[in-house]
């Protein structure tokens, strides 16, 4: 298998601003992606295949808030978006291995996620306590799905997922060694 051309080109712009209002600090960000994938030349077993293209553009945002209840105790909240563009193999290539064949899919959508976090932190020098709750809503996972032909599959966008995580951290410095 041989390939040629400009496989994937990504252009991105990012802007972020932070502002403080008394005990509250807000941080907002935007990121714009413009992704183009192009396969000019594709050869399988010596046979030239037609060129293929795929593209996507996306505006993603984030917003975070941190509120200081006291000099050593804060509350925080954050929302952000994530994005993963399909790989060249997932989009265009056919590969064989392990007794099976996987076919690319030029119609794949990028995987996306929206993440939410709330938490608090107490930092009293020798004692640090931190707790956070995370929720993520993911869509358009990319996975291989059977095509109905034995030992053949193709990349497809599949289902979505809701994930919840709670994280607790405690640090103690007994200061035994000064």
Protein backbone atom coordinates (compact mmCIF):
# COMPACT_ATOMS: atom_id res chain seq x y z
CA UNK A 1 0.00 0.00 0.00
CA UNK A 2 1.37 3.43 -0.90
CA UNK A 3 -0.11 6.85 -0.23
CA UNK A 4 0.66 10.35 -1.41
CA UNK A 5 -0.52 13.93 -1.12
CA UNK A 6 -1.15 16.13 1.89
CA UNK A 7 -2.81 13.61 4.24
CA UNK A 8 -4.14 15.88 7.05
CA UNK A 9 -3.77 19.64 7.50
CA UNK A 10 -5.02 21.28 10.68
CA UNK A 11 -5.24 25.03 11.28
CA UNK A 12 -6.29 26.28 14.69
CA UNK A 13 -6.83 29.61 16.44
CA UNK A 14 -7.10 29.98 20.20
CA UNK A 15 -8.15 32.87 22.42
CA UNK A 16 -8.40 33.00 26.20
CA UNK A 17 -9.29 35.74 28.66
CA UNK A 18 -9.18 35.80 32.45
CA UNK A 19 -10.91 38.37 34.63
CA UNK A 20 -11.11 38.77 38.41
CA UNK A 21 -14.09 40.28 40.23
CA UNK A 22 -13.33 40.38 43.94
CA UNK A 23 -13.11 36.75 45.09
CA UNK A 24 -14.28 35.36 41.74
CA UNK A 25 -11.97 34.60 38.81
CA UNK A 26 -13.49 33.72 35.44
CA UNK A 27 -11.58 32.23 32.52
CA UNK A 28 -13.17 31.91 29.07
CA UNK A 29 -11.61 30.35 25.99
CA UNK A 30 -12.45 29.69 22.35
CA UNK A 31 -10.65 27.44 19.87
CA UNK A 32 -11.44 27.18 16.17
CA UNK A 33 -10.31 24.15 14.15
CA UNK A 34 -10.21 23.82 10.38
CA UNK A 35 -9.17 20.31 9.31
CA UNK A 36 -8.76 19.00 5.78
CA UNK A 37 -7.63 15.51 4.83
CA UNK A 38 -6.71 14.67 1.29
CA UNK A 39 -5.41 11.49 -0.25
CA UNK A 40 -4.12 12.27 -3.76
CA UNK A 41 -2.58 8.90 -4.50
CA UNK A 42 -3.53 5.53 -3.05
CA UNK A 43 -2.19 2.22 -4.37
CA UNK A 44 -3.37 -1.27 -3.41
CA UNK A 45 -1.47 -4.24 -4.87
CA UNK A 46 -0.10 -2.03 -7.65
CA UNK A 47 -3.52 -0.62 -8.61
CA UNK A 48 -4.11 3.14 -8.36
CA UNK A 49 -7.17 4.14 -6.34
CA UNK A 50 -9.13 7.39 -6.75
CA UNK A 51 -8.20 10.39 -4.58
CA UNK A 52 -10.35 11.17 -1.56
CA UNK A 53 -11.01 14.18 0.65
CA UNK A 54 -12.73 14.98 3.95
CA UNK A 55 -12.93 18.19 5.97
CA UNK A 56 -14.43 19.67 9.10
CA UNK A 57 -14.38 22.94 10.99
CA UNK A 58 -15.43 23.44 14.56
CA UNK A 59 -15.64 26.17 17.20
CA UNK A 60 -15.09 24.90 20.76
CA UNK A 61 -15.49 26.80 23.99
CA UNK A 62 -14.63 26.64 27.66
CA UNK A 63 -15.61 28.57 30.77
CA UNK A 64 -14.11 28.20 34.22
CA UNK A 65 -14.98 29.90 37.51
CA UNK A 66 -12.95 29.89 40.73
CA UNK A 67 -14.40 31.44 43.88
CA UNK A 68 -12.20 32.01 46.96
CA UNK A 69 -14.23 31.44 50.12
CA UNK A 70 -11.09 32.28 52.14
CA UNK A 71 -7.36 32.49 51.43
CA UNK A 72 -7.08 28.69 51.79
CA UNK A 73 -10.47 27.44 50.48
CA UNK A 74 -11.78 27.65 46.92
CA UNK A 75 -14.76 26.42 44.92
CA UNK A 76 -14.41 25.77 41.18
CA UNK A 77 -16.61 24.97 38.21
CA UNK A 78 -15.66 24.36 34.60
CA UNK A 79 -17.31 23.46 31.31
CA UNK A 80 -15.28 22.65 28.19
CA UNK A 81 -15.67 20.97 24.82
CA UNK A 82 -13.38 18.38 23.25
CA UNK A 83 -12.87 17.22 19.67
CA UNK A 84 -10.97 14.41 17.92
CA UNK A 85 -10.80 14.30 14.12
CA UNK A 86 -10.62 10.82 12.53
CA UNK A 87 -7.19 9.51 11.51
CA UNK A 88 -6.14 8.98 7.91
CA UNK A 89 -6.50 5.20 8.39
CA UNK A 90 -10.00 5.54 9.82
CA UNK A 91 -11.07 7.76 6.91
CA UNK A 92 -9.50 6.23 3.83
CA UNK A 93 -7.28 3.20 4.19
CA UNK A 94 -8.00 -0.51 3.98
CA UNK A 95 -5.77 -2.66 6.14
CA UNK A 96 -5.43 -6.39 6.55
CA UNK A 97 -4.03 -8.15 9.59
CA UNK A 98 -4.86 -10.82 12.13
CA UNK A 99 -7.02 -12.66 9.62
CA UNK A 100 -9.35 -9.73 8.97
CA UNK A 101 -9.77 -6.61 6.89
CA UNK A 102 -10.70 -3.14 8.17
CA UNK A 103 -12.08 -0.62 5.66
CA UNK A 104 -11.80 3.15 6.08
CA UNK A 105 -14.90 5.38 6.00
CA UNK A 106 -14.59 8.88 4.42
CA UNK A 107 -17.99 9.83 5.96
CA UNK A 108 -16.87 9.60 9.59
CA UNK A 109 -17.75 12.44 11.94
CA UNK A 110 -15.25 13.65 14.56
CA UNK A 111 -15.61 12.39 18.11
CA UNK A 112 -16.88 15.18 20.40
CA UNK A 113 -17.30 15.63 24.14
CA UNK A 114 -18.61 18.19 26.59
CA UNK A 115 -16.97 18.06 30.03
CA UNK A 116 -18.32 19.49 33.30
CA UNK A 117 -16.44 19.78 36.59
CA UNK A 118 -17.31 21.11 40.04
CA UNK A 119 -15.01 20.91 43.03
CA UNK A 120 -13.48 22.46 46.10
CA UNK A 121 -9.98 22.64 47.59
CA UNK A 122 -8.70 23.38 51.08
CA UNK A 123 -4.96 24.08 51.32
CA UNK A 124 -3.75 24.66 54.87
CA UNK A 125 -0.01 24.15 54.38
CA UNK A 126 0.38 20.74 56.09
CA UNK A 127 -3.09 19.54 54.97
CA UNK A 128 -4.59 19.64 51.48
CA UNK A 129 -8.07 18.29 50.71
CA UNK A 130 -9.50 18.31 47.20
CA UNK A 131 -12.77 16.88 45.89
CA UNK A 132 -14.17 17.07 42.38
CA UNK A 133 -17.10 15.66 40.44
CA UNK A 134 -16.72 15.27 36.66
CA UNK A 135 -19.37 14.52 34.04
CA UNK A 136 -18.58 13.95 30.36
CA UNK A 137 -21.07 13.56 27.51
CA UNK A 138 -19.29 11.99 24.50
CA UNK A 139 -20.71 11.51 21.01
CA UNK A 140 -19.75 9.84 17.73
CA UNK A 141 -17.22 7.35 19.07
CA UNK A 142 -15.30 5.73 16.23
CA UNK A 143 -15.15 1.93 16.29
CA UNK A 144 -14.90 -0.96 13.86
CA UNK A 145 -18.22 -2.63 13.02
CA UNK A 146 -18.83 -5.80 11.02
CA UNK A 147 -20.00 -5.33 7.43
CA UNK A 148 -21.76 -8.68 7.07
CA UNK A 149 -18.83 -10.11 5.12
CA UNK A 150 -16.85 -12.66 7.19
CA UNK A 151 -13.72 -11.16 8.85
CA UNK A 152 -14.41 -7.72 7.39
CA UNK A 153 -15.22 -4.55 9.32
CA UNK A 154 -15.43 -0.82 8.66
CA UNK A 155 -14.88 2.22 10.83
CA UNK A 156 -18.23 3.70 11.90
CA UNK A 157 -19.49 6.36 14.27
CA UNK A 158 -21.21 4.53 17.09
CA UNK A 159 -23.16 5.46 20.16
CA UNK A 160 -22.53 8.09 22.80
CA UNK A 161 -21.54 7.79 26.44
CA UNK A 162 -22.19 9.56 29.70
CA UNK A 163 -19.33 9.25 32.20
CA UNK A 164 -19.32 10.27 35.85
CA UNK A 165 -16.16 10.42 37.99
CA UNK A 166 -15.61 11.53 41.56
CA UNK A 167 -12.07 12.28 42.67
CA UNK A 168 -10.96 12.75 46.26
CA UNK A 169 -7.43 13.73 47.26
CA UNK A 170 -5.93 14.18 50.71
CA UNK A 171 -2.32 15.19 51.40
CA UNK A 172 -0.76 15.43 54.85
CA UNK A 173 2.74 16.70 55.62
CA UNK A 174 3.54 15.75 59.24
CA UNK A 175 6.70 17.87 59.08
CA UNK A 176 8.71 15.23 60.93
CA UNK A 177 11.88 16.17 59.12
CA UNK A 178 11.50 19.93 59.30
